Amino acid sequence: MPSLSFRHNALSLIVGLAFSTSALAATDIPFWHSMEGELGVEVNSLATRFNETHPDYRIVPTYKGNYEQSLAAGIAAVRTGKAPAILQVYEVGTATMMASKAIVPVYEVFKNAGIALDAKQFVPAVAGYYSDANGQLISQPFNSSTPVLYYNKDAFKKAGLDPEQPPKTWQQLAQDTAALRKAGMACGYASGWQGWIQIENFSAWHGQPVATKNNGFDGTDARLAFNKPLQVRHIAMLEEMNKKGDFTYFGRKDEPTAKFYNGDCGITTASSGSLADIRKYAKFNFGVGMMPYDDGVANAPQNAIIGGASLWAMKGKDAATYKGVAEFMQFLAQPEIAAEWHQKTGYLPITTAAYDLTRKQGFYQQHPGADIATRQMLNKDPLPYTKGMRLGNMPQIRTIVDEELEGVWTGKQAPQAALDNAVRRGNELLSRFEQQSK
């Protein structure tokens, strides 16, 4: 069977060739992205629809691997003069992109193209993540997400659990996974993106900072601070579940999503953007719940911080190309387009108008749980250190977190040692980034 990457590259080629006869004079707009599966299908569909209605331009989407791979490919391509016009970069690559000198801020692209950009149309919590100190957009929000909890309703019923009541707390999740295992499930609980979910969002959800300087928004001299008692206690709870066989570690990315929709795992925490694949492949009734919180923490839950990615305009292109970039970004922000993308993928509605339209269409009533990601993001007004993160070398820091947590799951080190090591090693990278940014 052809690999996903092969199929998506083939789809991208078809999209690019579809208009070669009728649009010979069109300006090509290379668009590198990291959307696989159903998400890749939707990206290609967006490109096709734009191309059909904008004959002067041709968006050429190309799948360039996962987020780390596409970021590395994009930066490397700048050095050789072969960068795409648009590069999708995940949220923790924001500080790296800002410091790279490889981009043109989105607000400048729109201004130079003579196209109005209303930054206020975007949901504030999302726009703030991708704006500079003056509130101007440096990249355009595209596929923003928060972690959510997916659970197998049929498995819950078999285990004697209420299929309409997902676990609200981590303590309840531990009990539910034990019941699922007792009922015969090989995997009670698994989590994707452990750094993003179990450290970054766990901290924000409980009103705790990940790093000083308001998680880096207030300066490049920020330092990591997630090795505190609350985070250590949480990792220790997962360690205990792992020893019992109730929590299973499958990998650093979204590997557990397939384990869930294949019916192997009863509960998973994953990106809200995983909904498209789960909806397509799950052969059982499933539900969506909020991220669990620790019932011993006062005032929890607080608010979730976004994941996903935004679209960056890369430097070195001509005026015609940048005008096409602005036209495409404007197209993506249209209420009908943004609402449809949200509804089909599970990503957040990036504009207020898209959210309002989705609500008016009755989508949330017809699809219970589809608004969970948005509700988590808006659960409470964010604290200065729960609005997101802007830390240099963050992709590499996430790798460090993965390495240290894997030491816990394999019994090689204790939770406190793992988080201490992750903070120490990560701070070395932050110090290096600070020096390079001066």
Protein backbone atom coordinates (compact mmCIF):
# COMPACT_ATOMS: atom_id res chain seq x y z
CA MET A 1 0.00 0.00 0.00
CA PRO A 2 1.45 3.44 -0.90
CA SER A 3 2.60 5.50 2.06
CA LEU A 4 0.63 8.54 3.21
CA SER A 5 3.49 10.76 2.13
CA PHE A 6 3.46 9.25 -1.37
CA ARG A 7 -0.29 9.67 -1.70
CA HIS A 8 -0.21 13.28 -0.54
CA ASN A 9 2.64 14.19 -2.83
CA ALA A 10 0.68 12.62 -5.67
CA LEU A 11 -2.42 14.59 -4.69
CA SER A 12 -0.37 17.77 -4.55
CA LEU A 13 0.95 17.07 -8.04
CA ILE A 14 -2.58 16.58 -9.34
CA VAL A 15 -3.68 19.87 -7.80
CA GLY A 16 -0.72 21.63 -9.37
CA LEU A 17 -1.34 20.13 -12.81
CA ALA A 18 -5.10 20.58 -12.81
CA PHE A 19 -4.86 24.14 -14.02
CA SER A 20 -1.72 23.96 -16.14
CA THR A 21 -3.63 24.16 -19.40
CA SER A 22 -6.08 26.91 -18.50
CA ALA A 23 -3.78 29.04 -16.37
CA LEU A 24 -0.49 29.21 -18.19
CA ALA A 25 -0.07 32.84 -17.19
CA ALA A 26 -0.91 32.22 -13.54
CA THR A 27 1.68 32.98 -10.86
CA ASP A 28 2.63 29.85 -8.95
CA ILE A 29 2.45 30.09 -5.15
CA PRO A 30 4.35 27.13 -3.63
CA PHE A 31 2.80 26.16 -0.29
CA TRP A 32 4.66 23.67 1.93
CA HIS A 33 2.61 22.01 4.65
CA SER A 34 2.51 19.11 7.12
CA MET A 35 -1.08 17.93 6.77
CA GLU A 36 -1.50 14.17 6.37
CA GLY A 37 -4.54 11.94 6.01
CA GLU A 38 -7.90 13.67 5.77
CA LEU A 39 -6.23 16.97 6.66
CA GLY A 40 -4.07 16.76 3.56
CA VAL A 41 -7.15 16.10 1.45
CA GLU A 42 -8.77 19.23 2.86
CA VAL A 43 -5.66 21.35 2.19
CA ASN A 44 -5.64 20.23 -1.44
CA SER A 45 -9.34 21.00 -1.67
CA LEU A 46 -8.76 24.54 -0.41
CA ALA A 47 -6.03 25.06 -2.98
CA THR A 48 -8.26 23.78 -5.78
CA ARG A 49 -11.13 26.06 -4.81
CA PHE A 50 -8.87 29.09 -4.58
CA ASN A 51 -7.30 28.34 -7.94
CA GLU A 52 -10.70 28.01 -9.58
CA THR A 53 -11.78 31.45 -8.39
CA HIS A 54 -8.43 33.27 -8.71
CA PRO A 55 -7.13 32.60 -12.24
CA ASP A 56 -4.13 34.90 -11.81
CA TYR A 57 -2.61 32.60 -9.18
CA ARG A 58 -2.04 28.91 -8.66
CA ILE A 59 -1.51 27.58 -5.14
CA VAL A 60 0.74 24.52 -5.35
CA PRO A 61 0.51 22.60 -2.05
CA THR A 62 3.28 20.15 -1.20
CA TYR A 63 3.45 17.86 1.81
CA LYS A 64 6.93 18.23 3.35
CA GLY A 65 6.76 15.80 6.25
CA ASN A 66 5.92 16.43 9.89
CA TYR A 67 6.22 19.82 11.52
CA GLU A 68 9.89 19.44 12.44
CA GLN A 69 10.79 18.23 8.95
CA SER A 70 8.91 20.97 7.12
CA LEU A 71 10.39 23.69 9.35
CA ALA A 72 13.91 22.41 8.73
CA ALA A 73 13.23 22.10 5.00
CA GLY A 74 11.84 25.62 4.81
CA ILE A 75 14.77 27.25 6.60
CA ALA A 76 17.26 25.26 4.52
CA ALA A 77 15.48 26.26 1.31
CA VAL A 78 15.89 29.94 2.16
CA ARG A 79 19.66 29.50 2.14
CA THR A 80 19.55 28.03 -1.37
CA GLY A 81 17.01 30.51 -2.71
CA LYS A 82 14.39 27.80 -3.19
CA ALA A 83 12.01 28.52 -0.33
CA PRO A 84 8.25 28.24 -0.88
CA ALA A 85 6.12 31.36 -0.87
CA ILE A 86 4.11 30.01 2.08
CA LEU A 87 5.41 27.74 4.84
CA GLN A 88 3.20 26.17 7.49
CA VAL A 89 5.04 26.21 10.83
CA TYR A 90 3.82 24.79 14.13
CA GLU A 91 3.23 27.11 17.03
CA VAL A 92 6.44 26.38 18.94
CA GLY A 93 8.44 27.39 15.89
CA THR A 94 7.18 30.97 16.17
CA ALA A 95 10.19 32.40 18.03
CA THR A 96 12.54 30.54 15.69
CA MET A 97 10.82 31.98 12.62
CA MET A 98 10.80 35.50 14.06
CA ALA A 99 14.55 35.32 14.65
CA SER A 100 15.36 33.57 11.37
CA LYS A 101 15.34 36.63 9.08
CA ALA A 102 13.76 34.27 6.56
CA ILE A 103 10.27 35.75 6.54
CA VAL A 104 8.23 38.77 5.61
CA PRO A 105 5.65 39.62 8.30
CA VAL A 106 2.11 38.99 7.12
CA TYR A 107 1.01 42.53 7.91
CA GLU A 108 3.72 43.82 5.54
CA VAL A 109 2.70 41.38 2.81
CA PHE A 110 -0.88 42.65 2.94
CA LYS A 111 0.16 46.30 3.12
CA ASN A 112 2.50 46.04 0.14
CA ALA A 113 -0.15 44.17 -1.85
CA GLY A 114 -2.71 46.89 -1.19
CA ILE A 115 -5.07 44.43 0.51
CA ALA A 116 -6.70 45.31 3.82
CA LEU A 117 -5.86 43.04 6.75
CA ASP A 118 -8.24 43.14 9.70
CA ALA A 119 -6.27 41.44 12.48
CA LYS A 120 -9.24 41.90 14.82
CA GLN A 121 -11.24 39.34 12.81
CA PHE A 122 -9.13 36.57 14.34
CA VAL A 123 -9.96 35.08 17.73
CA PRO A 124 -7.82 37.15 20.15
CA ALA A 125 -6.27 34.17 21.93
CA VAL A 126 -5.10 32.83 18.57
CA ALA A 127 -4.04 36.12 16.99
CA GLY A 128 -2.02 37.07 20.07
CA TYR A 129 0.14 34.00 19.66
CA TYR A 130 1.21 35.08 16.18
CA SER A 131 1.51 38.84 16.69
CA ASP A 132 4.49 41.06 17.46
CA ALA A 133 4.82 43.40 20.44
CA ASN A 134 2.75 46.00 18.59
CA GLY A 135 -0.12 43.59 17.97
CA GLN A 136 0.60 43.20 14.26
CA LEU A 137 0.27 39.76 12.68
CA ILE A 138 3.59 38.22 11.73
CA SER A 139 2.00 35.00 10.48
CA GLN A 140 -1.61 34.09 9.74
CA PRO A 141 -3.43 31.61 11.99
CA PHE A 142 -4.49 28.52 10.07
CA ASN A 143 -4.88 25.25 11.93
CA SER A 144 -5.06 26.09 15.60
CA SER A 145 -5.98 23.39 18.09
CA THR A 146 -6.12 22.48 21.75
CA PRO A 147 -5.75 19.02 23.24
CA VAL A 148 -9.02 17.24 23.91
CA LEU A 149 -9.99 13.88 25.35
CA TYR A 150 -11.46 11.24 23.05
CA TYR A 151 -13.13 8.17 24.53
CA ASN A 152 -14.72 4.99 23.21
CA LYS A 153 -18.35 5.07 24.30
CA ASP A 154 -18.92 1.42 23.42
CA ALA A 155 -15.93 0.37 25.51
CA PHE A 156 -17.16 2.54 28.39
CA LYS A 157 -20.53 0.81 28.29
CA LYS A 158 -18.90 -2.63 28.24
CA ALA A 159 -16.79 -1.68 31.26
CA GLY A 160 -19.84 -0.54 33.23
CA LEU A 161 -18.99 3.15 32.84
CA ASP A 162 -21.43 5.88 31.81
CA PRO A 163 -20.84 6.41 28.06
CA GLU A 164 -22.08 10.00 28.36
CA GLN A 165 -19.65 10.94 31.12
CA PRO A 166 -15.99 11.28 30.08
CA PRO A 167 -13.57 11.62 33.00
CA LYS A 168 -13.33 15.22 34.17
CA THR A 169 -10.35 14.78 36.48
CA TRP A 170 -7.08 12.88 36.24
CA GLN A 171 -8.11 10.90 39.30
CA GLN A 172 -11.31 9.81 37.55
CA LEU A 173 -9.37 9.00 34.37
CA ALA A 174 -7.14 6.64 36.36
CA GLN A 175 -10.20 4.84 37.70
CA ASP A 176 -11.85 4.64 34.27
CA THR A 177 -8.74 3.27 32.57
CA ALA A 178 -8.45 0.58 35.24
CA ALA A 179 -12.07 -0.39 34.56
CA LEU A 180 -11.45 -0.49 30.81
CA ARG A 181 -8.45 -2.75 31.30
CA LYS A 182 -10.42 -5.03 33.61
CA ALA A 183 -13.08 -5.28 30.90
CA GLY A 184 -10.48 -6.58 28.45
CA MET A 185 -9.03 -3.55 26.66
CA ALA A 186 -5.34 -3.91 25.85
CA CYS A 187 -4.78 -0.17 26.29
CA GLY A 188 -6.74 1.92 28.72
CA TYR A 189 -5.18 5.33 28.06
CA ALA A 190 -2.57 6.76 25.70
CA SER A 191 -1.48 10.33 24.99
CA GLY A 192 -0.05 11.94 21.91
CA TRP A 193 2.30 14.92 21.90
CA GLN A 194 3.34 14.38 25.51
CA GLY A 195 5.35 17.60 25.86
CA TRP A 196 2.51 19.75 24.51
CA ILE A 197 -0.25 17.95 26.42
CA GLN A 198 1.31 16.58 29.63
CA ILE A 199 3.66 19.50 30.35
CA GLU A 200 2.69 22.66 28.46
CA ASN A 201 -1.10 22.37 28.49
CA PHE A 202 -1.22 20.58 31.83
CA SER A 203 0.60 23.56 33.32
CA ALA A 204 -1.64 26.18 31.70
CA TRP A 205 -4.81 24.21 32.49
CA HIS A 206 -3.79 24.41 36.16
CA GLY A 207 -2.71 28.05 36.08
CA GLN A 208 1.02 27.34 36.20
CA PRO A 209 3.81 28.78 34.01
CA VAL A 210 6.03 26.64 31.83
CA ALA A 211 8.78 29.26 31.86
CA THR A 212 9.65 32.61 33.38
CA LYS A 213 9.07 35.92 31.60
CA ASN A 214 5.45 34.89 31.00
CA ASN A 215 6.53 31.85 29.01
CA GLY A 216 8.93 33.92 26.95
CA PHE A 217 6.55 36.60 25.73
CA ASP A 218 8.36 39.19 27.85
CA GLY A 219 11.90 38.48 26.73
CA THR A 220 14.44 36.05 25.32
CA ASP A 221 15.98 35.66 28.79
CA ALA A 222 13.13 33.34 29.82
CA ARG A 223 14.01 30.07 31.55
CA LEU A 224 12.03 26.85 31.94
CA ALA A 225 10.23 26.25 35.23
CA PHE A 226 8.06 23.14 34.81
CA ASN A 227 9.89 20.95 37.36
CA LYS A 228 7.65 22.06 40.22
CA PRO A 229 5.70 19.78 42.61
CA LEU A 230 2.45 19.88 40.61
CA GLN A 231 4.02 18.76 37.34
CA VAL A 232 6.17 16.17 39.11
CA ARG A 233 3.09 14.75 40.85
CA HIS A 234 1.28 14.49 37.53
CA ILE A 235 4.11 12.62 35.81
CA ALA A 236 4.36 10.36 38.87
CA MET A 237 0.66 9.50 38.50
CA LEU A 238 1.18 8.59 34.85
CA GLU A 239 4.24 6.56 35.84
CA GLU A 240 2.14 4.56 38.29
CA MET A 241 -0.55 4.00 35.65
CA ASN A 242 2.17 2.88 33.24
CA LYS A 243 3.48 0.33 35.72
CA LYS A 244 -0.03 -1.09 36.09
CA GLY A 245 -0.49 -1.26 32.33
CA ASP A 246 -3.28 1.33 32.35
CA PHE A 247 -1.23 3.99 30.50
CA THR A 248 0.66 3.02 27.36
CA TYR A 249 3.30 5.11 25.61
CA PHE A 250 3.32 4.75 21.82
CA GLY A 251 5.49 7.61 20.62
CA ARG A 252 6.30 11.29 20.52
CA LYS A 253 3.79 12.47 17.95
CA ASP A 254 0.17 11.46 17.31
CA GLU A 255 0.71 7.68 17.19
CA PRO A 256 -2.02 7.08 19.83
CA THR A 257 -4.68 8.54 17.53
CA ALA A 258 -4.56 5.47 15.29
CA LYS A 259 -4.48 3.23 18.36
CA PHE A 260 -7.68 4.91 19.46
CA TYR A 261 -9.65 4.82 16.21
CA ASN A 262 -8.52 1.22 15.62
CA GLY A 263 -10.22 0.34 18.90
CA ASP A 264 -7.06 -0.60 20.81
CA CYS A 265 -7.20 2.22 23.38
CA GLY A 266 -10.28 3.29 25.31
CA ILE A 267 -9.16 6.87 26.00
CA THR A 268 -6.65 9.18 24.39
CA THR A 269 -5.70 12.83 24.70
CA ALA A 270 -4.79 14.28 21.32
CA SER A 271 -5.16 17.37 19.18
CA SER A 272 -8.66 18.56 18.38
CA GLY A 273 -7.36 18.40 14.81
CA SER A 274 -7.30 14.61 15.08
CA LEU A 275 -11.09 14.63 14.89
CA ALA A 276 -11.14 14.36 11.08
CA ASP A 277 -9.28 11.04 11.05
CA ILE A 278 -11.12 9.70 14.10
CA ARG A 279 -14.46 10.57 12.54
CA LYS A 280 -13.48 8.75 9.34
CA TYR A 281 -11.85 5.63 10.72
CA ALA A 282 -13.50 4.84 14.07
CA LYS A 283 -15.98 1.97 13.77
CA PHE A 284 -17.50 2.63 17.18
CA ASN A 285 -19.34 5.38 19.00
CA PHE A 286 -16.94 7.90 20.46
CA GLY A 287 -17.20 11.05 22.51
CA VAL A 288 -15.13 14.17 23.09
CA GLY A 289 -14.41 15.65 26.49
CA MET A 290 -12.33 18.41 28.00
CA MET A 291 -8.80 17.79 29.21
CA PRO A 292 -8.88 16.33 32.71
CA TYR A 293 -7.70 18.44 35.63
CA ASP A 294 -6.18 17.53 38.98
CA ASP A 295 -8.98 17.75 41.55
CA GLY A 296 -6.47 18.82 44.19
CA VAL A 297 -5.70 22.12 42.46
CA ALA A 298 -7.80 25.12 43.46
CA ASN A 299 -9.37 27.15 40.65
CA ALA A 300 -8.60 24.53 37.99
CA PRO A 301 -9.22 24.36 35.14
CA GLN A 302 -7.83 27.65 33.82
CA ASN A 303 -7.49 27.80 30.01
CA ALA A 304 -5.88 25.72 27.29
CA ILE A 305 -3.09 27.03 25.09
CA ILE A 306 -3.17 26.49 21.37
CA GLY A 307 -1.18 24.13 19.26
CA GLY A 308 -1.36 23.63 15.53
CA ALA A 309 0.31 25.96 13.09
CA SER A 310 0.23 29.23 11.18
CA LEU A 311 1.18 30.33 7.68
CA TRP A 312 4.37 32.32 7.08
CA ALA A 313 5.35 34.32 4.00
CA MET A 314 8.95 33.53 3.11
CA LYS A 315 11.35 36.20 1.91
CA GLY A 316 12.86 36.57 -1.55
CA LYS A 317 9.69 36.57 -3.69
CA ASP A 318 8.44 39.12 -6.21
CA ALA A 319 5.49 41.48 -5.80
CA ALA A 320 3.14 39.31 -7.87
CA THR A 321 3.84 36.30 -5.68
CA TYR A 322 3.26 38.23 -2.47
CA LYS A 323 -0.02 39.60 -3.81
CA GLY A 324 -1.08 36.01 -4.45
CA VAL A 325 -0.02 35.07 -0.93
CA ALA A 326 -2.18 37.86 0.49
CA GLU A 327 -5.12 36.85 -1.72
CA PHE A 328 -4.88 33.23 -0.55
CA MET A 329 -4.63 34.17 3.12
CA GLN A 330 -7.60 36.49 2.73
CA PHE A 331 -9.50 33.62 1.08
CA LEU A 332 -8.74 31.29 4.00
CA ALA A 333 -10.07 33.84 6.51
CA GLN A 334 -13.45 34.21 4.79
CA PRO A 335 -16.18 33.13 7.25
CA GLU A 336 -17.55 30.37 5.02
CA ILE A 337 -14.10 28.93 4.28
CA ALA A 338 -12.80 29.19 7.86
CA ALA A 339 -16.03 27.72 9.26
CA GLU A 340 -15.94 24.78 6.86
CA TRP A 341 -12.27 24.08 7.68
CA HIS A 342 -13.14 24.12 11.40
CA GLN A 343 -16.13 21.84 10.96
CA LYS A 344 -14.37 19.29 8.76
CA THR A 345 -11.09 19.08 10.66
CA GLY A 346 -11.76 19.76 14.34
CA TYR A 347 -9.34 22.66 14.39
CA LEU A 348 -10.47 25.84 16.12
CA PRO A 349 -12.45 28.47 14.23
CA ILE A 350 -9.71 31.04 13.73
CA THR A 351 -12.07 33.98 13.26
CA THR A 352 -14.98 35.17 15.37
CA ALA A 353 -17.15 35.22 12.25
CA ALA A 354 -16.36 31.56 11.53
CA TYR A 355 -17.36 30.60 15.07
CA ASP A 356 -20.58 32.63 14.89
CA LEU A 357 -21.47 31.12 11.51
CA THR A 358 -20.83 27.59 12.75
CA ARG A 359 -23.02 28.20 15.77
CA LYS A 360 -25.83 29.74 13.68
CA GLN A 361 -25.72 26.73 11.34
CA GLY A 362 -26.49 24.48 14.30
CA PHE A 363 -23.27 22.52 13.86
CA TYR A 364 -22.51 22.26 17.57
CA GLN A 365 -26.00 20.99 18.34
CA GLN A 366 -25.69 18.39 15.60
CA HIS A 367 -22.16 17.38 16.64
CA PRO A 368 -21.86 17.36 20.44
CA GLY A 369 -18.28 17.92 21.56
CA ALA A 370 -17.23 19.79 18.43
CA ASP A 371 -16.98 23.01 20.44
CA ILE A 372 -14.84 21.51 23.23
CA ALA A 373 -11.56 22.90 21.91
CA THR A 374 -13.00 26.41 21.66
CA ARG A 375 -14.58 26.21 25.11
CA GLN A 376 -11.27 25.13 26.63
CA MET A 377 -9.42 28.03 25.04
CA LEU A 378 -12.05 30.48 26.30
CA ASN A 379 -12.68 28.74 29.63
CA LYS A 380 -11.21 31.68 31.55
CA ASP A 381 -9.41 34.85 30.59
CA PRO A 382 -5.77 33.81 30.18
CA LEU A 383 -3.22 34.73 32.79
CA PRO A 384 -0.04 36.43 31.54
CA TYR A 385 1.66 33.03 31.55
CA THR A 386 -1.19 30.93 30.14
CA LYS A 387 -1.70 32.72 26.82
CA GLY A 388 0.87 30.56 25.06
CA MET A 389 4.62 30.24 24.72
CA ARG A 390 7.28 32.06 22.76
CA LEU A 391 10.52 30.30 23.56
CA GLY A 392 13.54 30.01 21.31
CA ASN A 393 14.69 26.55 20.23
CA MET A 394 11.35 25.19 21.42
CA PRO A 395 11.24 22.34 18.88
CA GLN A 396 14.54 21.05 20.28
CA ILE A 397 13.28 21.57 23.84
CA ARG A 398 10.27 19.39 23.08
CA THR A 399 12.64 16.67 21.91
CA ILE A 400 14.50 16.93 25.21
CA VAL A 401 11.23 16.61 27.13
CA ASP A 402 10.38 13.52 25.08
CA GLU A 403 13.75 11.95 25.84
CA GLU A 404 13.51 12.59 29.56
CA LEU A 405 9.90 11.39 29.88
CA GLU A 406 10.75 8.24 27.96
CA GLY A 407 13.24 7.57 30.74
CA VAL A 408 10.31 7.58 33.18
CA TRP A 409 8.12 5.26 31.09
CA THR A 410 10.99 2.77 30.76
CA GLY A 411 11.77 2.86 34.48
CA LYS A 412 15.22 4.39 34.07
CA GLN A 413 14.62 7.55 36.11
CA ALA A 414 12.19 9.14 38.54
CA PRO A 415 9.74 11.90 37.53
CA GLN A 416 11.58 14.59 39.51
CA ALA A 417 14.91 13.69 37.91
CA ALA A 418 13.32 13.64 34.45
CA LEU A 419 11.82 17.11 34.76
CA ASP A 420 14.95 18.51 36.42
CA ASN A 421 17.03 17.18 33.54
CA ALA A 422 14.61 18.53 30.95
CA VAL A 423 14.65 21.99 32.55
CA ARG A 424 18.44 22.04 32.83
CA ARG A 425 19.05 20.87 29.26
CA GLY A 426 16.31 23.10 27.88
CA ASN A 427 17.67 26.15 29.66
CA GLU A 428 21.03 25.59 28.02
CA LEU A 429 19.26 25.93 24.66
CA LEU A 430 17.37 29.01 25.81
CA SER A 431 20.61 30.62 26.96
CA ARG A 432 22.15 29.91 23.57
CA PHE A 433 19.12 31.40 21.80
CA GLU A 434 19.30 34.50 24.01
CA GLN A 435 22.93 35.09 23.07
CA GLN A 436 22.24 34.58 19.37
CA SER A 437 19.34 37.05 19.52
CA LYS A 438 21.41 39.94 20.87
